[in-house]
Structure formats: structure tokens, C-alpha cells
C-alpha atoms as a PDB file:
ATOM      1  CA  MET A   1       1.791  -2.792 -20.119  1.00  0.00           C
ATOM      2  CA  PRO A   2       2.767  -3.349 -16.453  1.00  0.00           C
ATOM      3  CA  GLN A   3       4.689  -0.620 -14.692  1.00  0.00           C
ATOM      4  CA  GLU A   4       8.348  -1.312 -13.872  1.00  0.00           C
ATOM      5  CA  LYS A   5       8.816  -1.849 -10.131  1.00  0.00           C
ATOM      6  CA  LEU A   6      11.403   0.286  -8.385  1.00  0.00           C
ATOM      7  CA  GLU A   7      13.845  -0.982  -5.764  1.00  0.00           C
ATOM      8  CA  ILE A   8      12.835   1.255  -2.856  1.00  0.00           C
ATOM      9  CA  LYS A   9      13.828  -0.161   0.550  1.00  0.00           C
ATOM     10  CA  ASN A  10      11.774   2.005   2.934  1.00  0.00           C
ATOM     11  CA  ILE A  11       8.741   4.246   2.761  1.00  0.00           C
ATOM     12  CA  LYS A  12       6.797   6.266   5.328  1.00  0.00           C
ATOM     13  CA  LEU A  13       3.023   6.443   5.284  1.00  0.00           C
ATOM     14  CA  ASN A  14       1.705   9.888   6.150  1.00  0.00           C
ATOM     15  CA  ASN A  15      -1.124   8.243   8.136  1.00  0.00           C
ATOM     16  CA  LYS A  16       1.548   6.796  10.504  1.00  0.00           C
ATOM     17  CA  LYS A  17       0.706   3.135   9.751  1.00  0.00           C
ATOM     18  CA  ILE A  18       3.636   0.765   9.281  1.00  0.00           C
ATOM     19  CA  PRO A  19       4.009  -0.962   5.905  1.00  0.00           C
ATOM     20  CA  MET A  20       4.331  -4.741   5.952  1.00  0.00           C
ATOM     21  CA  GLU A  21       4.809  -5.030   2.188  1.00  0.00           C
ATOM     22  CA  PHE A  22       4.804  -2.477  -0.625  1.00  0.00           C
ATOM     23  CA  GLU A  23       5.443  -2.082  -4.331  1.00  0.00           C
ATOM     24  CA  ILE A  24       6.381   1.220  -5.995  1.00  0.00           C
ATOM     25  CA  SER A  25       6.657   2.377  -9.620  1.00  0.00           C
ATOM     26  CA  GLU A  26       7.201   5.719 -11.297  1.00  0.00           C
ATOM     27  CA  GLY A  27       3.951   7.576 -11.906  1.00  0.00           C
ATOM     28  CA  ARG A  28       2.661   7.991 -15.439  1.00  0.00           C
ATOM     29  CA  ASP A  29       1.516  11.219 -17.106  1.00  0.00           C
ATOM     30  CA  GLY A  30      -0.941  13.030 -14.832  1.00  0.00           C
ATOM     31  CA  GLU A  31       0.028  11.039 -11.712  1.00  0.00           C
ATOM     32  CA  VAL A  32       2.309  11.921  -8.823  1.00  0.00           C
ATOM     33  CA  ALA A  33       5.982  10.995  -9.249  1.00  0.00           C
ATOM     34  CA  TYR A  34       5.662   7.623  -7.454  1.00  0.00           C
ATOM     35  CA  VAL A  35       2.650   5.309  -7.196  1.00  0.00           C
ATOM     36  CA  GLY A  36       2.122   1.895  -5.722  1.00  0.00           C
ATOM     37  CA  LYS A  37       0.345  -0.342  -3.248  1.00  0.00           C
ATOM     38  CA  VAL A  38       0.919  -1.214   0.387  1.00  0.00           C
ATOM     39  CA  LEU A  39      -0.217  -3.847   2.892  1.00  0.00           C
ATOM     40  CA  SER A  40      -0.380  -2.742   6.525  1.00  0.00           C
ATOM     41  CA  THR A  41      -2.034  -3.672   9.791  1.00  0.00           C
ATOM     42  CA  TRP A  42      -4.799  -1.270  10.690  1.00  0.00           C
ATOM     43  CA  ASN A  43      -3.912  -1.691  14.397  1.00  0.00           C
ATOM     44  CA  LYS A  44      -7.520  -2.215  15.295  1.00  0.00           C
ATOM     45  CA  LYS A  45      -8.602  -5.290  17.215  1.00  0.00           C
ATOM     46  CA  THR A  46     -12.101  -6.459  16.360  1.00  0.00           C
ATOM     47  CA  PRO A  47     -14.141  -9.545  17.309  1.00  0.00           C
ATOM     48  CA  GLN A  48     -13.003 -11.046  13.992  1.00  0.00           C
ATOM     49  CA  GLY A  49      -9.303 -10.432  14.766  1.00  0.00           C
ATOM     50  CA  THR A  50      -6.678  -7.971  13.589  1.00  0.00           C
ATOM     51  CA  GLU A  51      -7.729  -5.860  10.675  1.00  0.00           C
ATOM     52  CA  TYR A  52      -5.379  -5.521   7.713  1.00  0.00           C
ATOM     53  CA  VAL A  53      -5.593  -2.874   5.007  1.00  0.00           C
ATOM     54  CA  ILE A  54      -4.381  -2.661   1.434  1.00  0.00           C
ATOM     55  CA  TRP A  55      -4.100   0.867  -0.002  1.00  0.00           C
ATOM     56  CA  ASN A  56      -3.025   2.518  -3.217  1.00  0.00           C
ATOM     57  CA  ILE A  57      -0.262   5.006  -2.410  1.00  0.00           C
ATOM     58  CA  GLY A  58       1.306   8.048  -4.051  1.00  0.00           C
ATOM     59  CA  SER A  59       4.266  10.339  -3.364  1.00  0.00           C
ATOM     60  CA  GLU A  60       6.171  13.228  -4.888  1.00  0.00           C
ATOM     61  CA  ASP A  61       9.470  12.413  -3.130  1.00  0.00           C
ATOM     62  CA  GLY A  62       9.489   8.589  -3.061  1.00  0.00           C
ATOM     63  CA  ILE A  63       9.711   8.548   0.746  1.00  0.00           C
ATOM     64  CA  ASN A  64       6.512  10.022   2.231  1.00  0.00           C
ATOM     65  CA  PHE A  65       3.371   8.420   0.811  1.00  0.00           C
ATOM     66  CA  ASN A  66      -0.324   9.266   1.013  1.00  0.00           C
ATOM     67  CA  ALA A  67      -2.733   6.334   1.087  1.00  0.00           C
ATOM     68  CA  CYS A  68      -6.182   6.000  -0.495  1.00  0.00           C
ATOM     69  CA  ASN A  69      -8.763   3.445  -1.654  1.00  0.00           C
ATOM     70  CA  GLY A  70      -8.406   1.020   1.251  1.00  0.00           C
ATOM     71  CA  SER A  71      -9.571  -2.590   1.309  1.00  0.00           C
ATOM     72  CA  TYR A  72      -9.982  -3.820   4.897  1.00  0.00           C
ATOM     73  CA  VAL A  73      -9.821  -7.552   5.706  1.00  0.00           C
ATOM     74  CA  TYR A  74      -9.561  -9.722   8.847  1.00  0.00           C
ATOM     75  CA  SER A  75      -7.030 -12.401   7.940  1.00  0.00           C
ATOM     76  CA  LEU A  76      -3.453 -12.134   6.747  1.00  0.00           C
ATOM     77  CA  GLU A  77      -4.107 -14.800   4.118  1.00  0.00           C
ATOM     78  CA  ARG A  78      -6.947 -12.753   2.625  1.00  0.00           C
ATOM     79  CA  ALA A  79      -4.891  -9.541   2.913  1.00  0.00           C
ATOM     80  CA  VAL A  80      -2.054 -11.091   0.902  1.00  0.00           C
ATOM     81  CA  GLU A  81      -4.542 -12.292  -1.712  1.00  0.00           C
ATOM     82  CA  VAL A  82      -6.068  -8.806  -2.067  1.00  0.00           C
ATOM     83  CA  TYR A  83      -2.595  -7.211  -2.130  1.00  0.00           C
ATOM     84  CA  ASN A  84      -1.354  -9.559  -4.861  1.00  0.00           C
ATOM     85  CA  ASN A  85      -4.406  -8.783  -7.008  1.00  0.00           C
ATOM     86  CA  ARG A  86      -4.378  -5.000  -6.372  1.00  0.00           C
ATOM     87  CA  GLN A  87      -3.662  -2.875  -9.448  1.00  0.00           C
ATOM     88  CA  TYR A  88      -2.276   0.636  -9.207  1.00  0.00           C
END
């Protein structure tokens, strides 16, 4: 059963990266209070171009999120594809 998405307008990533897109739900038993996924630029220029990252995220307060399990890609099109298919 998919988790119900919450209407959260802004989040802060504890790693100081800026979210481009994110999705948040309430955590289930054994998880932190809020869980989700985020798409962000990695702010690293490489020969292939700008690197994007998609992380799973978690938070106890619904504002400040820790990120983990990153997928790093070089095109926005691929980043959106990975983000849309990311489960959390």
C-alpha cells in the first residue's frame, strides 16, 4: 500500500544541498517520523556536466532532513526518471 504524501512546502537538508523536488510521508513503525525522497543538484561540475543526486530522506521534525542512499546521475532527464521510480 503506497504511503500518503504530505503537503510540506519547504524542507532543509542537513547536508546543505538545496532540494529541487521532494516527496514526504509519515514514517511507519520503526522509522523516523517523516520519510521521503529528494532530487537535488550535487553542485559538482564534471566533464559529463552537472551531477544530480536522488536521496532517501528522513526527519523527526518534518523540517530538517538527513539524506542517505544516493543515486548520482549526469542529466536532469535521467535524474527525474530515477526520482520518479525511487521508492522510500
